[in-house]
Amino acid sequence: MDLCLTPENGFLLTGAQKRYFEKLSIYCDRYAEQIPVTFVLGFYVTLVVNRWWNQFVNLPWPDRLMFLISSSVHGSDEHGRLLRRTLMRYVNLTSLLIFRSVSTAVYKRFPTMDHVVEAGFMTADERKLFDHLKSPHLKYWVPFIWFGNLAAKARKEGRIRDSVDLQSLMTEMNRFRSWCSLLFGYDWVGIPLVYTQVAEQLINPFGEDDDDFETNWCIDRNLQVSLLAVDEMHMSLPKMKKDIYWDDSAARPPYTLAAADYCIPSFLGSTVQMGISSFHCMPLVECLLILLNNGLGSSSSKRNFEAEIPSKPEEKDD
């Protein structure tokens, strides 16, 4: 500020204003050193990085549920297969609905519910039942209700042979639901840009400021959603139908033009492109035989052999 205004002092400021400006500059320079700028920035960066990493580690993965469904829902006939695939489809539908609400890349790929149906995540009958449920709130939890109702029905039919298996399925389903709701919470509540606002929110996030938690909205939402789930949706199930990937083991949902740039190959690990020579891939015994046949006694062969075989680490004296 001093550098910008000083050249104009002689033209814009009077004598008294110049003296006041100089005092203000001295005051700012004196107290600027007392503000721990490094600490403030470090704390803010740590907060942002932790928030970013927590969102990654809480991404909803269906692996645990697919293991449980595969081992707990019995039946090698067509109905058993349809039951397992429908349960897993409800799990993936839930994650898709939550990703549509927080990720612009996913929303560009599935901009409407018609795209969700065309991609095979939802059937036409399920879409009608989903739209029939009137709620002003995000309905990503609806497939979980279907999941629970269908699992309870499978237990009555004997497809799930033990109540312990049913309880394990419901427990893991609730874990998956927690991951989805956590992502929604991160998207809903952001980090204030001003450091003082961060401090105020940490002290009392349940106040009346604009950045505080919307607790009254939570009360309304929880009452409306919970009554809808246990009353109108109680044991309400859409008719099970074969999904569009029934005869295709390599299911690949379509992309829109807006999401074409996000179609990338699967990550296989950081060592997948690592190159190793064929000699180093051979068993050690075969390497020794080859070196012996080529004349290990010569000095050049011995040097090559020692270069190929790692040396034994030296033992340290106690």
Protein backbone atom coordinates (compact mmCIF):
# COMPACT_ATOMS: atom_id res chain seq x y z
CA MET A 1 0.00 0.00 0.00
CA ASP A 2 2.88 2.34 0.82
CA LEU A 3 4.54 1.80 -2.56
CA CYS A 4 1.31 2.43 -4.44
CA LEU A 5 0.31 5.63 -2.68
CA THR A 6 3.63 7.31 -1.98
CA PRO A 7 4.16 8.70 -5.53
CA GLU A 8 0.78 10.36 -5.32
CA ASN A 9 1.31 11.96 -1.90
CA GLY A 10 2.54 15.22 -3.30
CA PHE A 11 -0.52 15.64 -5.53
CA LEU A 12 -3.46 14.10 -3.58
CA LEU A 13 -2.66 14.47 0.13
CA THR A 14 -2.41 17.56 2.27
CA GLY A 15 0.29 18.01 4.89
CA ALA A 16 -1.86 16.62 7.71
CA GLN A 17 -2.91 13.69 5.53
CA LYS A 18 0.71 12.92 4.67
CA ARG A 19 1.64 12.79 8.37
CA TYR A 20 -1.36 10.55 9.11
CA PHE A 21 -0.41 8.26 6.24
CA GLU A 22 3.17 7.97 7.50
CA LYS A 23 1.93 7.09 11.01
CA LEU A 24 -0.39 4.47 9.53
CA SER A 25 2.46 2.95 7.53
CA ILE A 26 4.70 2.79 10.62
CA TYR A 27 1.87 1.20 12.63
CA CYS A 28 1.23 -1.47 9.99
CA ASP A 29 4.94 -2.23 9.65
CA ARG A 30 5.38 -2.54 13.43
CA TYR A 31 2.45 -4.88 14.11
CA ALA A 32 2.73 -6.95 10.91
CA GLU A 33 5.65 -8.81 12.48
CA GLN A 34 3.49 -9.80 15.47
CA ILE A 35 0.97 -11.68 13.30
CA PRO A 36 2.11 -15.32 12.84
CA VAL A 37 1.45 -15.42 9.10
CA THR A 38 3.43 -18.64 8.65
CA PHE A 39 1.44 -20.37 11.38
CA VAL A 40 -1.87 -19.14 9.98
CA LEU A 41 -1.06 -20.29 6.45
CA GLY A 42 0.34 -23.59 7.68
CA PHE A 43 -2.77 -24.31 9.72
CA TYR A 44 -5.01 -23.45 6.79
CA VAL A 45 -3.06 -25.64 4.35
CA THR A 46 -3.11 -28.53 6.84
CA LEU A 47 -6.86 -28.15 7.19
CA VAL A 48 -7.36 -28.23 3.42
CA VAL A 49 -5.03 -31.19 2.85
CA ASN A 50 -6.63 -33.24 5.64
CA ARG A 51 -10.05 -32.48 4.24
CA TRP A 52 -8.93 -33.57 0.75
CA TRP A 53 -7.39 -36.82 1.99
CA ASN A 54 -10.36 -37.67 4.20
CA GLN A 55 -12.65 -37.37 1.20
CA PHE A 56 -10.49 -39.84 -0.70
CA VAL A 57 -10.25 -42.44 2.06
CA ASN A 58 -14.03 -42.25 2.52
CA LEU A 59 -14.95 -42.90 -1.10
CA PRO A 60 -17.68 -45.57 -1.18
CA TRP A 61 -16.21 -48.89 -2.34
CA PRO A 62 -18.60 -51.87 -2.79
CA ASP A 63 -15.94 -54.55 -2.32
CA ARG A 64 -16.89 -55.61 1.21
CA LEU A 65 -20.56 -55.80 0.29
CA MET A 66 -19.92 -57.81 -2.85
CA PHE A 67 -17.95 -60.37 -0.83
CA LEU A 68 -20.79 -60.69 1.68
CA ILE A 69 -23.51 -60.89 -0.96
CA SER A 70 -21.61 -63.49 -2.95
CA SER A 71 -21.12 -65.71 0.10
CA SER A 72 -24.40 -65.08 1.95
CA VAL A 73 -27.06 -64.98 -0.78
CA HIS A 74 -27.36 -68.57 -1.99
CA GLY A 75 -28.80 -70.03 -5.15
CA SER A 76 -27.20 -70.98 -8.45
CA ASP A 77 -30.48 -70.69 -10.35
CA GLU A 78 -31.62 -67.66 -12.30
CA HIS A 79 -33.55 -66.18 -9.36
CA GLY A 80 -30.52 -66.42 -7.07
CA ARG A 81 -28.36 -64.74 -9.66
CA LEU A 82 -30.98 -62.03 -10.20
CA LEU A 83 -31.20 -61.46 -6.46
CA ARG A 84 -27.45 -60.98 -6.03
CA ARG A 85 -27.13 -58.71 -9.05
CA THR A 86 -30.09 -56.58 -7.93
CA LEU A 87 -28.64 -56.10 -4.45
CA MET A 88 -25.30 -55.02 -5.91
CA ARG A 89 -27.02 -52.77 -8.42
CA TYR A 90 -28.79 -50.95 -5.58
CA VAL A 91 -25.42 -50.41 -3.91
CA ASN A 92 -23.87 -48.99 -7.08
CA LEU A 93 -26.97 -46.91 -7.77
CA THR A 94 -26.61 -45.25 -4.37
CA SER A 95 -22.99 -44.32 -5.00
CA LEU A 96 -23.92 -42.99 -8.45
CA LEU A 97 -26.67 -40.78 -7.01
CA ILE A 98 -24.34 -39.32 -4.40
CA PHE A 99 -21.54 -38.79 -6.94
CA ARG A 100 -23.99 -36.99 -9.25
CA SER A 101 -24.69 -34.51 -6.47
CA VAL A 102 -21.05 -33.74 -5.56
CA SER A 103 -18.96 -34.36 -8.70
CA THR A 104 -19.24 -32.23 -11.83
CA ALA A 105 -17.48 -34.93 -13.87
CA VAL A 106 -20.10 -37.54 -12.91
CA TYR A 107 -22.95 -35.09 -13.45
CA LYS A 108 -21.71 -34.39 -16.98
CA ARG A 109 -21.75 -38.13 -17.65
CA PHE A 110 -25.22 -38.63 -16.13
CA PRO A 111 -26.94 -35.23 -16.44
CA THR A 112 -30.48 -36.65 -16.09
CA MET A 113 -32.14 -39.67 -14.52
CA ASP A 114 -32.83 -40.89 -18.05
CA HIS A 115 -29.08 -41.34 -18.48
CA VAL A 116 -28.99 -43.33 -15.24
CA VAL A 117 -31.68 -45.68 -16.57
CA GLU A 118 -30.04 -46.01 -19.98
CA ALA A 119 -26.73 -46.87 -18.32
CA GLY A 120 -28.35 -49.83 -16.55
CA PHE A 121 -28.09 -48.60 -12.96
CA MET A 122 -31.88 -48.35 -12.64
CA THR A 123 -34.81 -50.05 -14.35
CA ALA A 124 -37.84 -48.23 -15.74
CA ASP A 125 -40.06 -49.57 -12.94
CA GLU A 126 -37.58 -48.42 -10.32
CA ARG A 127 -37.47 -45.00 -11.94
CA LYS A 128 -41.26 -44.68 -11.66
CA LEU A 129 -41.21 -45.70 -8.01
CA PHE A 130 -38.28 -43.35 -7.36
CA ASP A 131 -40.07 -40.39 -8.95
CA HIS A 132 -43.31 -41.26 -7.13
CA LEU A 133 -41.62 -40.65 -3.77
CA LYS A 134 -42.18 -36.96 -3.20
CA SER A 135 -39.41 -35.45 -1.14
CA PRO A 136 -37.70 -32.04 -1.34
CA HIS A 137 -34.43 -33.63 -0.21
CA LEU A 138 -31.77 -35.60 -2.04
CA LYS A 139 -33.06 -39.16 -2.41
CA TYR A 140 -29.76 -41.03 -2.66
CA TRP A 141 -30.84 -43.20 0.30
CA VAL A 142 -33.84 -44.73 -1.51
CA PRO A 143 -31.88 -47.67 -3.03
CA PHE A 144 -30.68 -48.52 0.47
CA ILE A 145 -34.29 -48.98 1.59
CA TRP A 146 -34.84 -51.26 -1.39
CA PHE A 147 -31.66 -53.10 -0.45
CA GLY A 148 -32.86 -53.70 3.11
CA ASN A 149 -36.35 -54.77 2.03
CA LEU A 150 -34.97 -57.16 -0.58
CA ALA A 151 -32.45 -58.63 1.86
CA ALA A 152 -35.22 -59.23 4.42
CA LYS A 153 -37.31 -60.91 1.73
CA ALA A 154 -34.37 -63.10 0.76
CA ARG A 155 -34.02 -64.16 4.41
CA LYS A 156 -37.67 -65.21 4.53
CA GLU A 157 -37.27 -67.16 1.29
CA GLY A 158 -34.23 -68.98 2.66
CA ARG A 159 -31.82 -67.42 0.18
CA ILE A 160 -30.01 -65.95 3.18
CA ARG A 161 -29.84 -68.94 5.49
CA ASP A 162 -28.83 -67.29 8.74
CA SER A 163 -29.90 -64.15 10.57
CA VAL A 164 -26.25 -63.46 11.34
CA ASP A 165 -25.54 -63.20 7.61
CA LEU A 166 -28.45 -60.78 7.23
CA GLN A 167 -27.14 -58.68 10.10
CA SER A 168 -23.66 -58.62 8.53
CA LEU A 169 -25.16 -57.43 5.25
CA MET A 170 -27.12 -54.66 6.94
CA THR A 171 -24.12 -53.57 9.01
CA GLU A 172 -21.91 -53.31 5.95
CA MET A 173 -24.66 -51.54 4.06
CA ASN A 174 -24.83 -48.94 6.83
CA ARG A 175 -21.05 -48.50 6.59
CA PHE A 176 -21.40 -47.86 2.87
CA ARG A 177 -24.23 -45.39 3.55
CA SER A 178 -21.99 -43.54 6.02
CA TRP A 179 -19.35 -43.08 3.33
CA CYS A 180 -21.95 -41.64 0.96
CA SER A 181 -23.39 -39.26 3.55
CA LEU A 182 -19.89 -38.12 4.51
CA LEU A 183 -19.15 -37.10 0.92
CA PHE A 184 -22.44 -35.22 0.85
CA GLY A 185 -21.48 -33.45 4.07
CA TYR A 186 -18.10 -32.39 2.69
CA ASP A 187 -19.83 -30.99 -0.38
CA TRP A 188 -22.41 -29.18 1.74
CA VAL A 189 -20.11 -27.60 4.33
CA GLY A 190 -17.07 -25.89 2.84
CA ILE A 191 -14.06 -24.23 4.45
CA PRO A 192 -14.50 -20.45 4.86
CA LEU A 193 -11.99 -18.41 2.91
CA VAL A 194 -11.25 -16.02 5.76
CA TYR A 195 -9.15 -17.34 8.64
CA THR A 196 -11.20 -15.54 11.26
CA GLN A 197 -14.31 -17.31 10.00
CA VAL A 198 -12.51 -20.65 10.34
CA ALA A 199 -11.77 -19.89 13.98
CA GLU A 200 -15.34 -18.80 14.65
CA GLN A 201 -16.77 -21.96 13.10
CA LEU A 202 -14.45 -24.19 15.08
CA ILE A 203 -15.53 -22.49 18.31
CA ASN A 204 -19.29 -22.71 17.70
CA PRO A 205 -20.60 -24.26 14.46
CA PHE A 206 -24.15 -24.34 15.84
CA GLY A 207 -24.70 -20.60 15.96
CA GLU A 208 -26.69 -18.25 13.77
CA ASP A 209 -24.01 -17.18 11.28
CA ASP A 210 -24.34 -17.90 7.58
CA ASP A 211 -21.51 -20.46 7.69
CA ASP A 212 -22.86 -22.38 10.70
CA PHE A 213 -24.58 -25.76 10.41
CA GLU A 214 -28.19 -25.70 9.24
CA THR A 215 -29.54 -27.52 12.28
CA ASN A 216 -33.17 -26.56 11.71
CA TRP A 217 -32.99 -27.95 8.18
CA CYS A 218 -31.56 -31.18 9.62
CA ILE A 219 -34.57 -31.53 11.92
CA ASP A 220 -37.03 -31.09 9.04
CA ARG A 221 -35.13 -33.38 6.70
CA ASN A 222 -34.65 -36.17 9.25
CA LEU A 223 -38.33 -36.24 10.21
CA GLN A 224 -39.61 -36.22 6.63
CA VAL A 225 -37.14 -38.77 5.30
CA SER A 226 -37.40 -41.18 8.24
CA LEU A 227 -41.21 -41.27 8.17
CA LEU A 228 -41.16 -41.79 4.41
CA ALA A 229 -38.71 -44.68 4.72
CA VAL A 230 -40.54 -46.62 7.44
CA ASP A 231 -44.11 -45.94 6.32
CA GLU A 232 -44.66 -45.43 2.60
CA MET A 233 -41.59 -47.45 1.61
CA HIS A 234 -42.02 -50.25 4.17
CA MET A 235 -41.44 -53.55 2.32
CA SER A 236 -42.10 -51.70 -0.94
CA LEU A 237 -40.02 -53.26 -3.67
CA PRO A 238 -39.81 -52.64 -7.40
CA LYS A 239 -40.16 -55.73 -9.54
CA MET A 240 -36.82 -57.40 -10.12
CA LYS A 241 -35.74 -57.51 -13.77
CA LYS A 242 -32.60 -58.53 -15.57
CA ASP A 243 -30.19 -55.63 -15.95
CA ILE A 244 -28.83 -54.68 -19.36
CA TYR A 245 -25.48 -56.28 -18.53
CA TRP A 246 -27.01 -59.69 -17.76
CA ASP A 247 -25.05 -61.44 -20.54
CA ASP A 248 -22.07 -59.09 -20.49
CA SER A 249 -19.39 -59.69 -17.87
CA ALA A 250 -17.52 -56.49 -18.83
CA ALA A 251 -20.14 -53.90 -17.91
CA ARG A 252 -19.21 -50.43 -19.15
CA PRO A 253 -21.73 -47.60 -18.69
CA PRO A 254 -21.81 -45.10 -21.57
CA TYR A 255 -20.26 -41.63 -21.56
CA THR A 256 -21.76 -38.39 -22.79
CA LEU A 257 -19.83 -35.98 -24.98
CA ALA A 258 -19.35 -33.63 -22.02
CA ALA A 259 -17.71 -36.44 -20.01
CA ALA A 260 -15.61 -37.93 -22.83
CA ASP A 261 -12.39 -36.47 -21.40
CA TYR A 262 -12.94 -38.40 -18.15
CA CYS A 263 -12.82 -41.81 -19.86
CA ILE A 264 -9.41 -43.04 -18.70
CA PRO A 265 -7.85 -46.51 -18.36
CA SER A 266 -7.95 -48.26 -15.02
CA PHE A 267 -5.11 -47.57 -12.58
CA LEU A 268 -3.20 -50.84 -12.14
CA GLY A 269 -0.48 -49.68 -9.77
CA SER A 270 2.72 -47.66 -10.07
CA THR A 271 4.87 -50.71 -11.01
CA VAL A 272 2.76 -51.91 -13.95
CA GLN A 273 4.98 -50.08 -16.48
CA MET A 274 8.20 -51.05 -14.74
CA GLY A 275 10.60 -52.84 -17.09
CA ILE A 276 12.85 -55.69 -15.93
CA SER A 277 15.37 -57.42 -18.19
CA SER A 278 14.81 -61.08 -19.00
CA PHE A 279 18.11 -61.98 -17.30
CA HIS A 280 16.94 -60.53 -13.97
CA CYS A 281 13.66 -62.44 -14.26
CA MET A 282 15.43 -65.81 -14.45
CA PRO A 283 15.78 -68.05 -11.36
CA LEU A 284 19.10 -67.64 -9.59
CA VAL A 285 20.10 -71.29 -10.23
CA GLU A 286 19.67 -70.89 -13.99
CA CYS A 287 21.73 -67.69 -13.91
CA LEU A 288 24.56 -69.53 -12.14
CA LEU A 289 24.48 -72.34 -14.71
CA ILE A 290 24.63 -69.89 -17.59
CA LEU A 291 27.55 -68.03 -16.04
CA LEU A 292 29.37 -71.31 -15.31
CA ASN A 293 28.91 -72.49 -18.88
CA ASN A 294 30.27 -69.19 -20.17
CA GLY A 295 33.40 -69.47 -18.05
CA LEU A 296 32.99 -68.05 -14.59
CA GLY A 297 36.70 -68.36 -13.91
CA SER A 298 37.71 -65.53 -16.22
CA SER A 299 38.11 -62.12 -14.67
CA SER A 300 35.65 -60.46 -17.07
CA SER A 301 32.96 -63.09 -16.43
CA LYS A 302 33.55 -62.82 -12.71
CA ARG A 303 33.11 -59.06 -12.82
CA ASN A 304 29.90 -59.44 -14.84
CA PHE A 305 28.64 -62.08 -12.42
CA GLU A 306 29.35 -59.89 -9.40
CA ALA A 307 27.58 -57.01 -11.10
CA GLU A 308 24.49 -59.13 -11.74
CA ILE A 309 24.28 -60.75 -8.26
CA PRO A 310 23.61 -58.36 -5.35
CA SER A 311 26.23 -58.43 -2.64
CA LYS A 312 25.42 -59.72 0.83
CA PRO A 313 25.07 -56.92 3.40
CA GLU A 314 27.89 -56.70 5.89
CA GLU A 315 27.17 -57.91 9.41
CA LYS A 316 27.51 -55.27 12.08
CA ASP A 317 29.36 -56.01 15.29
CA ASP A 318 27.30 -55.77 18.44
